[in-house]
N, C-alpha and C. Protein backbone atom coordinates (compact mmCIF):
# COMPACT_ATOMS: atom_id res chain seq x y z
N UNK A 1 -14.12 -8.11 -48.90
CA UNK A 1 -15.14 -7.54 -48.11
C UNK A 1 -15.54 -7.34 -46.39
N UNK A 2 -14.98 -8.84 -45.85
CA UNK A 2 -14.78 -8.89 -44.70
C UNK A 2 -14.05 -8.02 -43.70
N UNK A 3 -13.23 -7.96 -44.81
CA UNK A 3 -11.95 -6.66 -43.63
C UNK A 3 -12.42 -5.38 -43.79
N UNK A 4 -13.31 -4.81 -45.23
CA UNK A 4 -13.83 -3.92 -44.77
C UNK A 4 -14.70 -3.52 -43.61
N UNK A 5 -15.73 -4.57 -43.74
CA UNK A 5 -16.57 -4.52 -42.65
C UNK A 5 -15.72 -4.45 -40.91
N UNK A 6 -14.74 -4.95 -41.03
CA UNK A 6 -14.33 -4.70 -39.46
C UNK A 6 -13.75 -3.76 -39.41
N UNK A 7 -12.72 -3.05 -40.65
CA UNK A 7 -12.75 -1.27 -40.68
C UNK A 7 -13.87 -0.34 -40.13
N UNK A 8 -15.11 -1.21 -40.76
CA UNK A 8 -15.95 -0.21 -40.78
C UNK A 8 -16.98 0.29 -38.97
N UNK A 9 -16.00 -0.71 -38.46
CA UNK A 9 -16.79 -0.76 -36.68
C UNK A 9 -15.67 0.33 -36.05
N UNK A 10 -14.10 0.61 -36.73
CA UNK A 10 -13.63 1.43 -36.22
C UNK A 10 -13.70 2.66 -35.48
N UNK A 11 -14.81 3.55 -36.39
CA UNK A 11 -15.05 4.59 -36.08
C UNK A 11 -16.21 4.70 -34.56
N UNK A 12 -16.52 3.69 -34.48
CA UNK A 12 -18.07 3.05 -33.67
C UNK A 12 -16.60 3.14 -32.14
N UNK A 13 -16.06 2.25 -32.58
CA UNK A 13 -14.95 2.07 -31.25
C UNK A 13 -14.08 3.36 -30.74
N UNK A 14 -13.88 4.23 -31.88
CA UNK A 14 -13.17 5.74 -31.76
C UNK A 14 -14.10 6.43 -30.82
N UNK A 15 -15.19 6.61 -30.85
CA UNK A 15 -15.91 7.27 -30.14
C UNK A 15 -16.15 6.76 -29.04
N UNK A 16 -16.17 5.16 -28.56
CA UNK A 16 -16.71 4.90 -27.55
C UNK A 16 -15.43 4.80 -26.46
N UNK A 17 -14.65 4.86 -26.87
CA UNK A 17 -13.18 5.05 -26.33
C UNK A 17 -12.72 6.23 -25.84
N UNK A 18 -13.07 7.25 -26.92
CA UNK A 18 -12.67 8.87 -26.49
C UNK A 18 -13.78 8.93 -25.53
N UNK A 19 -15.19 8.51 -25.48
CA UNK A 19 -16.15 9.08 -24.79
C UNK A 19 -15.63 8.27 -23.14
N UNK A 20 -15.44 7.09 -23.37
CA UNK A 20 -14.62 6.81 -21.69
C UNK A 20 -13.97 7.54 -21.39
N UNK A 21 -12.96 7.77 -22.07
CA UNK A 21 -11.81 8.47 -21.85
C UNK A 21 -12.22 9.96 -20.82
N UNK A 22 -13.38 10.63 -22.05
CA UNK A 22 -14.13 11.83 -21.49
C UNK A 22 -14.94 11.59 -20.04
N UNK A 23 -15.01 10.56 -19.69
CA UNK A 23 -16.40 10.39 -18.82
C UNK A 23 -15.10 10.41 -17.65
N UNK A 24 -14.02 9.51 -18.07
CA UNK A 24 -12.95 9.84 -17.15
C UNK A 24 -12.26 10.79 -16.17
N UNK A 25 -12.19 11.84 -17.05
CA UNK A 25 -11.36 13.19 -16.71
C UNK A 25 -12.48 13.93 -16.29
N UNK A 26 -14.03 13.77 -16.78
CA UNK A 26 -15.22 14.36 -15.91
C UNK A 26 -14.87 14.06 -14.29
N UNK A 27 -14.76 12.18 -13.97
CA UNK A 27 -14.68 11.90 -12.65
C UNK A 27 -13.79 12.19 -12.39
N UNK A 28 -12.67 12.63 -12.93
CA UNK A 28 -11.51 12.55 -11.96
C UNK A 28 -11.84 14.69 -11.46
N UNK A 29 -12.20 15.28 -12.58
CA UNK A 29 -12.65 16.95 -12.39
C UNK A 29 -13.30 17.01 -10.99
N UNK A 30 -14.62 16.80 -11.25
CA UNK A 30 -15.94 15.84 -10.44
C UNK A 30 -15.20 15.99 -8.61
N UNK A 31 -14.13 14.75 -8.71
CA UNK A 31 -13.37 14.75 -7.51
C UNK A 31 -12.64 16.18 -6.98
N UNK A 32 -12.00 16.78 -7.80
CA UNK A 32 -11.50 17.49 -7.34
C UNK A 32 -11.97 18.73 -6.94
N UNK A 33 -13.05 18.99 -7.65
CA UNK A 33 -13.87 20.36 -7.48
C UNK A 33 -14.31 19.63 -6.22
N UNK A 34 -14.95 18.43 -5.56
CA UNK A 34 -15.29 18.13 -4.31
C UNK A 34 -14.33 18.22 -3.50
N UNK A 35 -13.65 17.81 -3.30
CA UNK A 35 -12.06 18.07 -2.91
C UNK A 35 -11.63 19.42 -2.63
N UNK A 36 -12.18 20.65 -3.10
CA UNK A 36 -12.09 21.62 -3.23
C UNK A 36 -13.37 22.42 -2.31
N UNK A 37 -14.06 21.94 -2.78
CA UNK A 37 -15.26 22.73 -2.44
C UNK A 37 -15.28 21.85 -0.63
N UNK A 38 -15.44 21.34 0.02
CA UNK A 38 -14.94 20.40 0.86
C UNK A 38 -14.08 21.49 2.33
N UNK A 39 -12.85 21.65 1.13
CA UNK A 39 -11.73 22.38 2.11
C UNK A 39 -11.64 23.51 1.79
N UNK A 40 -12.49 24.12 1.28
CA UNK A 40 -12.49 25.70 1.17
C UNK A 40 -12.64 26.32 2.61
N UNK A 41 -13.56 26.41 3.31
CA UNK A 41 -13.46 26.68 4.38
C UNK A 41 -12.47 26.32 5.55
N UNK A 42 -11.80 25.66 5.58
CA UNK A 42 -9.99 25.46 6.21
C UNK A 42 -9.59 26.07 5.96
N UNK A 43 -9.25 25.77 4.12
CA UNK A 43 -8.60 27.29 3.43
C UNK A 43 -8.64 28.58 3.87
N UNK A 44 -9.55 28.53 3.70
CA UNK A 44 -10.13 30.42 3.81
C UNK A 44 -9.70 30.64 5.65
N UNK A 45 -9.75 29.84 6.46
CA UNK A 45 -9.23 30.40 7.73
C UNK A 45 -7.91 29.94 7.74
N UNK A 46 -7.20 29.13 7.72
CA UNK A 46 -5.80 28.42 8.11
C UNK A 46 -4.49 28.63 7.06
N UNK A 47 -5.26 28.88 6.00
CA UNK A 47 -4.08 29.07 4.48
C UNK A 47 -3.87 27.48 4.28
N UNK A 48 -3.22 28.32 3.53
CA UNK A 48 -2.25 26.39 3.34
C UNK A 48 -1.04 26.06 4.63
N UNK A 49 -1.35 26.48 5.52
CA UNK A 49 -0.34 26.18 6.76
C UNK A 49 -1.05 25.10 7.51
N UNK A 50 -2.36 24.88 6.95
CA UNK A 50 -3.18 24.06 7.87
C UNK A 50 -1.87 22.68 7.71
N UNK A 51 -1.56 22.44 6.56
CA UNK A 51 -0.51 21.20 6.08
C UNK A 51 0.28 21.34 6.92
N UNK A 52 1.46 21.85 7.47
CA UNK A 52 2.13 21.91 8.72
C UNK A 52 2.29 22.56 9.64
N UNK A 53 0.92 22.59 10.02
CA UNK A 53 0.89 23.15 11.87
C UNK A 53 0.70 21.70 12.36
N UNK A 54 0.63 21.85 13.35
CA UNK A 54 1.01 20.52 14.54
C UNK A 54 -0.53 20.89 15.08
N UNK A 55 -0.41 21.77 15.55
CA UNK A 55 -1.63 21.93 16.57
C UNK A 55 -3.24 21.31 16.01
N UNK A 56 -3.89 20.73 17.57
CA UNK A 56 -5.54 20.35 16.86
C UNK A 56 -5.90 20.38 18.34
N UNK A 57 -6.40 21.80 18.51
CA UNK A 57 -7.35 22.17 19.69
C UNK A 57 -8.55 22.66 19.42
N UNK A 58 -9.72 21.68 19.32
CA UNK A 58 -11.24 22.42 19.14
C UNK A 58 -11.53 22.96 20.07
N UNK A 59 -11.20 23.22 21.24
CA UNK A 59 -11.70 24.55 22.43
C UNK A 59 -11.31 26.03 21.36
N UNK A 60 -10.25 25.51 21.22
CA UNK A 60 -9.71 26.87 20.30
C UNK A 60 -9.71 27.25 19.15
N UNK A 61 -10.49 26.28 18.23
CA UNK A 61 -10.39 26.36 17.14
C UNK A 61 -9.24 26.32 15.75
N UNK A 62 -8.08 25.93 16.38
CA UNK A 62 -6.86 25.70 15.84
C UNK A 62 -6.61 24.31 15.41
N UNK A 63 -6.85 24.00 14.04
CA UNK A 63 -6.00 22.48 13.45
C UNK A 63 -4.93 22.60 12.85
N UNK A 64 -4.63 21.80 12.65
CA UNK A 64 -3.26 21.50 11.89
C UNK A 64 -2.96 19.81 11.28
N UNK A 65 -2.47 19.71 10.21
CA UNK A 65 -2.77 18.11 9.78
C UNK A 65 -1.33 17.37 9.76
N UNK A 66 -0.04 18.29 10.33
CA UNK A 66 0.84 17.72 9.99
C UNK A 66 0.93 16.53 10.68
N UNK A 67 1.21 16.53 12.13
CA UNK A 67 0.72 14.96 13.03
C UNK A 67 0.70 14.19 12.18
N UNK A 68 -1.00 14.45 11.15
CA UNK A 68 -1.23 13.30 10.82
C UNK A 68 -0.93 13.13 9.72
N UNK A 69 -0.26 13.36 8.70
CA UNK A 69 0.19 13.20 7.50
C UNK A 69 1.88 12.97 8.18
N UNK A 70 2.29 13.05 9.36
CA UNK A 70 3.26 12.86 9.57
C UNK A 70 3.60 11.29 10.07
N UNK A 71 2.50 10.99 10.69
CA UNK A 71 2.28 9.86 11.10
C UNK A 71 1.65 8.31 9.93
N UNK A 72 0.82 8.80 9.06
CA UNK A 72 1.03 8.43 7.63
C UNK A 72 1.89 8.19 6.72
N UNK A 73 2.72 9.01 6.54
CA UNK A 73 4.26 9.29 5.76
C UNK A 73 5.29 7.60 6.91
N UNK A 74 5.39 7.98 8.23
CA UNK A 74 6.20 6.90 9.26
C UNK A 74 5.83 5.67 8.94
N UNK A 75 4.57 5.44 9.24
CA UNK A 75 3.82 4.31 9.18
C UNK A 75 4.03 3.30 7.80
N UNK A 76 3.89 4.31 6.81
CA UNK A 76 3.79 3.85 5.50
C UNK A 76 5.12 3.23 4.86
N UNK A 77 6.36 4.22 5.32
CA UNK A 77 7.61 3.92 5.20
C UNK A 77 8.05 2.54 5.88
N UNK A 78 7.49 2.69 7.20
CA UNK A 78 8.06 1.22 7.90
C UNK A 78 7.06 -0.15 7.60
N UNK A 79 5.66 0.18 6.53
CA UNK A 79 5.46 -1.21 5.99
C UNK A 79 6.28 -1.16 4.71
N UNK A 80 6.89 -0.24 4.03
CA UNK A 80 7.40 -0.49 3.14
C UNK A 80 9.07 -1.60 3.04
N UNK A 81 9.50 -0.87 4.16
CA UNK A 81 10.63 -1.43 4.47
C UNK A 81 10.48 -2.92 5.17
N UNK A 82 9.67 -3.10 5.52
CA UNK A 82 9.16 -4.44 6.36
C UNK A 82 8.65 -5.47 5.13
N UNK A 83 7.97 -5.08 3.93
CA UNK A 83 7.19 -5.79 3.11
C UNK A 83 7.39 -6.16 1.75
N UNK A 84 8.36 -4.96 0.81
CA UNK A 84 9.04 -5.48 -0.16
C UNK A 84 9.86 -6.08 -0.05
N UNK A 85 11.06 -6.28 1.31
CA UNK A 85 12.29 -7.17 1.20
C UNK A 85 11.52 -9.04 1.60
N UNK A 86 10.77 -9.16 2.25
CA UNK A 86 9.86 -10.11 2.52
C UNK A 86 9.03 -10.85 1.07
N UNK A 87 8.39 -9.41 0.66
CA UNK A 87 7.63 -9.77 -0.87
C UNK A 87 8.13 -10.31 -1.57
N UNK A 88 9.89 -9.53 -1.79
CA UNK A 88 10.12 -10.31 -3.07
C UNK A 88 11.29 -11.48 -2.48
N UNK A 89 11.25 -11.48 -1.40
CA UNK A 89 11.92 -13.42 -0.63
C UNK A 89 10.70 -14.41 -1.17
N UNK A 90 9.89 -14.19 -1.01
CA UNK A 90 8.48 -14.85 -0.72
C UNK A 90 8.05 -15.23 -2.88
N UNK A 91 8.07 -14.29 -3.38
CA UNK A 91 8.35 -14.13 -4.90
C UNK A 91 9.38 -15.36 -5.15
N UNK A 92 10.10 -14.93 -4.98
CA UNK A 92 11.82 -15.68 -5.82
C UNK A 92 11.49 -17.09 -4.92
N UNK A 93 10.90 -17.66 -4.09
CA UNK A 93 11.07 -18.58 -3.44
C UNK A 93 10.22 -19.63 -4.46
N UNK A 94 8.90 -18.51 -4.23
CA UNK A 94 7.63 -19.13 -5.17
C UNK A 94 7.74 -19.91 -6.29
N UNK A 95 8.97 -19.03 -6.98
CA UNK A 95 9.10 -18.93 -8.73
C UNK A 95 10.18 -19.66 -8.96
N UNK A 96 11.21 -19.67 -8.44
CA UNK A 96 12.36 -20.40 -8.31
C UNK A 96 12.83 -21.48 -7.70
N UNK A 97 12.33 -21.86 -6.23
CA UNK A 97 12.53 -22.84 -5.48
C UNK A 97 11.67 -23.52 -4.74
N UNK A 98 10.74 -23.37 -4.83
CA UNK A 98 9.42 -24.48 -4.56
C UNK A 98 9.08 -25.38 -5.06
N UNK A 99 8.71 -25.95 -4.79
CA UNK A 99 8.03 -27.31 -5.85
C UNK A 99 6.77 -26.87 -6.39
N UNK A 100 5.97 -27.57 -7.33
CA UNK A 100 5.11 -26.84 -8.06
C UNK A 100 4.07 -26.56 -7.09
N UNK A 101 3.62 -27.89 -6.22
CA UNK A 101 2.38 -28.22 -5.14
C UNK A 101 2.10 -26.77 -4.62
N UNK A 102 3.49 -27.37 -3.84
CA UNK A 102 3.62 -26.40 -2.94
C UNK A 102 3.82 -24.43 -3.11
N UNK A 103 4.43 -24.25 -4.30
CA UNK A 103 4.08 -23.12 -4.73
C UNK A 103 2.88 -22.73 -5.29
N UNK A 104 1.95 -23.53 -5.17
CA UNK A 104 0.60 -23.68 -5.47
C UNK A 104 0.03 -23.14 -4.67
N UNK A 105 -0.10 -24.31 -3.52
CA UNK A 105 -0.68 -24.22 -1.67
C UNK A 105 0.21 -23.05 -1.34
N UNK A 106 0.72 -22.20 -1.44
CA UNK A 106 1.56 -21.00 -0.75
C UNK A 106 0.97 -19.58 -1.38
N UNK A 107 0.45 -19.43 -3.20
CA UNK A 107 1.01 -18.44 -3.64
C UNK A 107 -0.64 -19.06 -3.48
N UNK A 108 -1.77 -19.75 -3.04
CA UNK A 108 -3.47 -19.11 -3.05
C UNK A 108 -3.59 -19.08 -1.77
N UNK A 109 -2.73 -19.39 -0.83
CA UNK A 109 -2.78 -18.36 0.60
C UNK A 109 -2.30 -16.96 0.26
N UNK A 110 -1.33 -16.67 -0.15
CA UNK A 110 -1.21 -15.43 -0.07
C UNK A 110 -1.98 -14.48 -0.93
N UNK A 111 -2.76 -14.82 -1.83
CA UNK A 111 -3.75 -14.43 -2.68
C UNK A 111 -4.79 -14.69 -1.85
N UNK A 112 -5.43 -15.37 -0.97
CA UNK A 112 -6.49 -15.33 -0.33
C UNK A 112 -6.21 -14.12 1.15
N UNK A 113 -4.99 -13.99 1.55
CA UNK A 113 -4.74 -12.52 2.11
C UNK A 113 -5.01 -11.72 1.41
N UNK A 114 -4.95 -11.00 0.54
CA UNK A 114 -5.38 -10.07 -0.41
C UNK A 114 -6.77 -9.79 -0.47
N UNK A 115 -7.51 -10.90 -0.29
CA UNK A 115 -9.28 -10.70 0.04
C UNK A 115 -9.45 -10.28 0.74
N UNK A 116 -8.94 -10.16 2.17
CA UNK A 116 -9.94 -9.92 3.50
C UNK A 116 -9.75 -8.23 3.88
N UNK A 117 -11.03 -7.81 3.96
CA UNK A 117 -10.86 -6.27 4.04
C UNK A 117 -10.03 -5.92 4.95
N UNK A 118 -9.89 -4.47 4.65
CA UNK A 118 -8.75 -3.47 5.90
C UNK A 118 -9.37 -3.48 7.16
N UNK A 119 -10.63 -3.32 7.31
CA UNK A 119 -11.44 -3.44 8.47
C UNK A 119 -10.96 -4.72 9.48
N UNK A 120 -10.80 -5.55 9.21
CA UNK A 120 -10.40 -6.93 9.47
C UNK A 120 -8.59 -6.93 10.12
N UNK A 121 -8.53 -6.11 9.05
CA UNK A 121 -6.68 -6.39 9.73
C UNK A 121 -6.68 -4.99 10.85
N UNK A 122 -7.51 -4.42 10.24
CA UNK A 122 -7.77 -2.99 11.82
C UNK A 122 -8.38 -3.65 13.27
N UNK A 123 -8.91 -4.31 13.00
CA UNK A 123 -9.78 -4.86 14.50
C UNK A 123 -8.45 -5.94 15.09
N UNK A 124 -8.19 -7.03 13.67
CA UNK A 124 -7.21 -7.37 14.50
C UNK A 124 -5.94 -7.17 15.26
N UNK A 125 -5.46 -5.87 14.87
CA UNK A 125 -4.63 -5.18 14.85
C UNK A 125 -4.65 -4.66 16.39
N UNK A 126 -5.84 -4.07 16.23
CA UNK A 126 -6.27 -3.15 18.00
C UNK A 126 -6.42 -4.46 18.77
N UNK A 127 -6.91 -5.24 18.55
CA UNK A 127 -7.16 -6.14 19.85
C UNK A 127 -6.59 -7.44 19.76
N UNK A 128 -5.93 -7.91 18.81
CA UNK A 128 -4.47 -9.00 19.22
C UNK A 128 -3.54 -8.27 19.06
N UNK A 129 -3.09 -7.42 18.15
CA UNK A 129 -1.68 -7.46 17.83
C UNK A 129 -1.15 -6.40 18.80
N UNK A 130 -2.04 -5.83 19.10
CA UNK A 130 -1.42 -4.51 20.29
C UNK A 130 -1.27 -4.55 21.11
N UNK A 131 -1.81 -5.53 21.83
CA UNK A 131 -1.57 -6.06 23.37
C UNK A 131 -0.40 -6.98 23.20
N UNK A 132 -0.01 -7.67 22.35
CA UNK A 132 0.67 -8.78 22.13
C UNK A 132 2.00 -7.56 21.99
N UNK A 133 1.78 -6.93 21.32
CA UNK A 133 2.94 -5.65 21.44
C UNK A 133 3.05 -4.64 22.86
N UNK A 134 2.10 -4.31 23.12
CA UNK A 134 2.66 -3.45 24.41
C UNK A 134 3.38 -4.10 25.30
N UNK A 135 3.04 -5.93 25.12
CA UNK A 135 2.98 -6.42 26.53
C UNK A 135 4.58 -7.33 26.13
N UNK A 136 4.66 -7.42 24.97
CA UNK A 136 6.19 -8.45 24.99
C UNK A 136 7.45 -7.40 23.86
N UNK A 137 6.62 -6.76 23.54
CA UNK A 137 7.80 -6.09 22.25
C UNK A 137 8.11 -4.86 22.56
N UNK A 138 7.04 -3.76 23.22
CA UNK A 138 7.47 -2.43 23.18
C UNK A 138 8.21 -2.01 24.72
N UNK A 139 7.95 -2.84 25.89
CA UNK A 139 9.20 -3.16 26.91
C UNK A 139 10.32 -3.02 26.20
N UNK A 140 10.95 -4.26 25.38
CA UNK A 140 12.50 -4.53 25.14
C UNK A 140 12.95 -3.17 24.16
N UNK A 141 11.98 -2.54 23.54
CA UNK A 141 12.56 -1.30 23.02
C UNK A 141 12.10 -0.04 23.44
N UNK A 142 11.85 0.19 23.93
CA UNK A 142 11.62 1.10 25.03
C UNK A 142 13.30 1.97 25.63
N UNK A 143 14.03 1.29 25.18
CA UNK A 143 15.39 1.35 25.83
C UNK A 143 16.28 2.51 24.73
N UNK A 144 15.31 2.03 23.31
CA UNK A 144 16.00 2.91 21.98
C UNK A 144 15.90 4.06 21.88
N UNK A 145 16.63 4.92 21.47
CA UNK A 145 15.85 6.78 21.86
C UNK A 145 15.39 7.03 20.47
N UNK A 146 15.06 7.80 20.63
CA UNK A 146 13.91 8.27 19.31
C UNK A 146 12.59 8.12 19.34
N UNK A 147 11.73 9.16 18.35
CA UNK A 147 10.02 9.09 19.09
C UNK A 147 9.36 7.99 18.20
N UNK A 148 10.33 6.94 17.49
CA UNK A 148 9.61 5.60 17.15
C UNK A 148 8.91 4.76 17.87
N UNK A 149 9.84 4.51 19.17
CA UNK A 149 10.04 3.75 20.47
C UNK A 149 9.90 4.25 21.84
N UNK A 150 9.35 5.82 21.85
CA UNK A 150 9.37 6.35 23.01
C UNK A 150 7.67 6.36 23.16
N UNK A 151 7.67 6.65 24.78
CA UNK A 151 6.09 6.70 25.27
C UNK A 151 5.67 5.22 25.74
N UNK A 152 4.44 5.21 26.64
CA UNK A 152 4.17 4.31 27.53
C UNK A 152 4.01 3.08 26.43
N UNK A 153 4.59 1.66 27.38
CA UNK A 153 3.64 0.86 25.96
C UNK A 153 2.14 0.04 26.34
N UNK A 154 1.55 1.17 25.16
CA UNK A 154 0.34 1.06 24.73
C UNK A 154 0.16 -0.11 23.68
N UNK A 155 0.79 -0.25 22.98
CA UNK A 155 0.78 -1.44 22.25
C UNK A 155 -0.13 -0.10 20.28
N UNK A 156 -0.15 0.64 20.88
CA UNK A 156 -0.92 0.78 19.88
C UNK A 156 0.43 2.79 19.45
N UNK A 157 0.84 2.84 18.18
CA UNK A 157 1.53 3.07 17.77
C UNK A 157 1.76 3.39 16.08
N UNK A 158 3.08 4.18 15.62
CA UNK A 158 3.45 4.12 14.08
C UNK A 158 3.91 2.45 13.91
N UNK A 159 4.50 1.86 15.17
CA UNK A 159 5.52 1.07 14.80
C UNK A 159 4.34 -0.58 14.46
N UNK A 160 3.38 -0.63 15.62
CA UNK A 160 2.35 -1.41 14.84
C UNK A 160 1.41 -0.81 14.25
N UNK A 161 1.11 0.12 13.50
CA UNK A 161 0.55 0.16 12.63
C UNK A 161 1.13 0.19 11.33
N UNK A 162 2.90 0.47 10.72
CA UNK A 162 3.50 -0.01 10.01
C UNK A 162 3.74 -1.42 9.68
N UNK A 163 3.84 -2.63 10.85
CA UNK A 163 2.97 -4.04 10.73
C UNK A 163 2.38 -4.42 10.11
N UNK A 164 0.59 -3.68 10.38
CA UNK A 164 -0.26 -4.07 10.23
C UNK A 164 -0.54 -4.09 8.53
N UNK A 165 0.11 -2.57 8.08
CA UNK A 165 0.33 -1.92 6.75
C UNK A 165 0.75 -3.17 5.50
N UNK A 166 2.07 -3.51 6.69
CA UNK A 166 3.14 -4.38 5.27
C UNK A 166 2.25 -5.74 5.78
N UNK A 167 1.75 -6.20 6.69
CA UNK A 167 0.33 -7.50 6.21
C UNK A 167 -0.30 -7.17 5.43
N UNK A 168 -1.24 -6.03 5.23
CA UNK A 168 -2.00 -5.99 4.26
C UNK A 168 -1.39 -5.71 2.69
N UNK A 169 -0.13 -5.05 2.81
CA UNK A 169 0.29 -4.86 1.38
C UNK A 169 1.12 -6.34 1.05
N UNK A 170 1.53 -7.02 1.62
CA UNK A 170 2.85 -7.77 1.39
C UNK A 170 1.73 -8.60 -0.23
N UNK A 171 0.66 -9.07 0.17
CA UNK A 171 0.21 -10.22 -0.79
C UNK A 171 0.41 -9.63 -2.56
N UNK A 172 -0.04 -7.80 -2.21
CA UNK A 172 0.22 -7.23 -3.60
C UNK A 172 1.70 -7.29 -4.30
N UNK A 173 2.60 -7.24 -3.03
CA UNK A 173 3.85 -6.57 -3.43
C UNK A 173 3.71 -8.09 -4.14
N UNK A 174 3.48 -9.28 -3.31
CA UNK A 174 4.22 -10.60 -3.92
C UNK A 174 3.77 -11.14 -5.01
N UNK A 175 2.27 -10.87 -5.25
CA UNK A 175 1.86 -11.14 -6.66
C UNK A 175 2.26 -10.55 -8.13
N UNK A 176 2.02 -9.20 -7.78
CA UNK A 176 3.05 -8.60 -9.09
C UNK A 176 4.28 -9.06 -9.02
N UNK A 177 5.69 -9.03 -7.97
CA UNK A 177 6.76 -9.61 -8.39
C UNK A 177 6.80 -11.06 -8.55
N UNK A 178 6.15 -12.31 -8.34
CA UNK A 178 5.91 -13.36 -9.03
C UNK A 178 5.76 -13.23 -9.95
N UNK A 179 4.60 -12.28 -10.58
CA UNK A 179 4.39 -12.43 -12.18
C UNK A 179 5.38 -11.77 -12.67
N UNK A 180 6.12 -10.78 -12.30
CA UNK A 180 7.38 -10.16 -13.37
C UNK A 180 8.59 -11.45 -12.93
N UNK A 181 8.74 -12.10 -11.97
CA UNK A 181 9.87 -13.54 -12.05
C UNK A 181 9.52 -14.01 -13.16
N UNK A 182 8.62 -14.69 -13.26
CA UNK A 182 7.67 -15.81 -14.22
C UNK A 182 8.00 -14.93 -15.54
N UNK A 183 7.69 -14.01 -15.68
CA UNK A 183 8.10 -13.25 -17.63
C UNK A 183 9.41 -13.11 -17.79
N UNK A 184 10.54 -13.71 -16.76
CA UNK A 184 12.11 -13.11 -17.34
C UNK A 184 12.44 -14.46 -18.02
N UNK A 185 12.88 -14.54 -19.18
CA UNK A 185 13.27 -15.49 -20.07
C UNK A 185 14.04 -16.46 -19.68
N UNK A 186 14.13 -18.03 -19.55
CA UNK A 186 15.11 -18.66 -19.56
C UNK A 186 16.16 -18.54 -19.70
N UNK A 187 16.78 -17.55 -21.17
CA UNK A 187 17.93 -17.41 -21.72
C UNK A 187 18.70 -16.37 -20.67
N UNK A 188 17.70 -15.38 -20.31
CA UNK A 188 18.52 -14.54 -18.62
C UNK A 188 18.78 -15.41 -17.90
N UNK A 189 18.09 -15.94 -17.38
CA UNK A 189 17.97 -16.64 -15.83
C UNK A 189 19.43 -17.56 -16.11
N UNK A 190 19.78 -18.32 -17.67
CA UNK A 190 21.08 -18.88 -18.14
C UNK A 190 21.95 -18.36 -18.02
N UNK A 191 21.73 -16.66 -18.54
CA UNK A 191 22.57 -16.12 -18.96
C UNK A 191 23.59 -15.49 -16.95
N UNK A 192 22.49 -15.01 -16.44
CA UNK A 192 22.81 -14.89 -14.70
C UNK A 192 23.58 -15.77 -14.14
N UNK A 193 22.92 -17.09 -14.32
CA UNK A 193 23.50 -18.06 -13.97
C UNK A 193 25.79 -18.34 -14.10
N UNK A 194 25.20 -18.30 -16.10
CA UNK A 194 26.68 -17.76 -16.18
C UNK A 194 27.81 -16.48 -16.01
N UNK A 195 27.23 -15.83 -15.26
CA UNK A 195 27.78 -14.50 -15.02
C UNK A 195 28.54 -14.94 -13.44
N UNK A 196 27.35 -16.13 -12.73
CA UNK A 196 28.17 -15.98 -11.49
C UNK A 196 26.99 -15.98 -10.55
N UNK A 197 25.70 -15.80 -10.76
CA UNK A 197 24.45 -15.25 -9.78
C UNK A 197 24.14 -16.73 -9.53
N UNK A 198 23.90 -16.56 -7.98
CA UNK A 198 23.73 -17.64 -7.28
C UNK A 198 21.91 -18.09 -6.46
């Protein structure tokens, strides 16, 4: 009888999950519709070339998003190149090498970094990190050819943005990687050691 009662709630659960899924689809559809409505004027005037046009001239009313998209992609790539190896190393240290007390302290510190709002990272980058880059780092990198290090040493650019983004995403990648490393069975680790892993 109790088993029958438990199964009586199954249709209610099914209706709740189905309605939750439909609400999610409706919200995503509403977001897509709002984005389309907001970008309709620019798409009518500039077409899809808005995405790969570099010109941004408010006087002549010609706008393009290519430079913004390029800057976003390059700074994201720099952040991933910096953050992923560092996060893997920190997670491996916390799981395999660090004493339990030290791992708890360092792990808590990394998780606290994830709680810092992005605006704080941005302000710190603008007022502390950018002057440091302008005075000490960019003059040394000015002799390297390429667009990444070109221009006057102002401290504001894709390299600085990449460093700040790397600092922002480091706690998230470290936490996920640490959890993945913890889930590896001891048998697999011992097998890896038996095959010559160090």
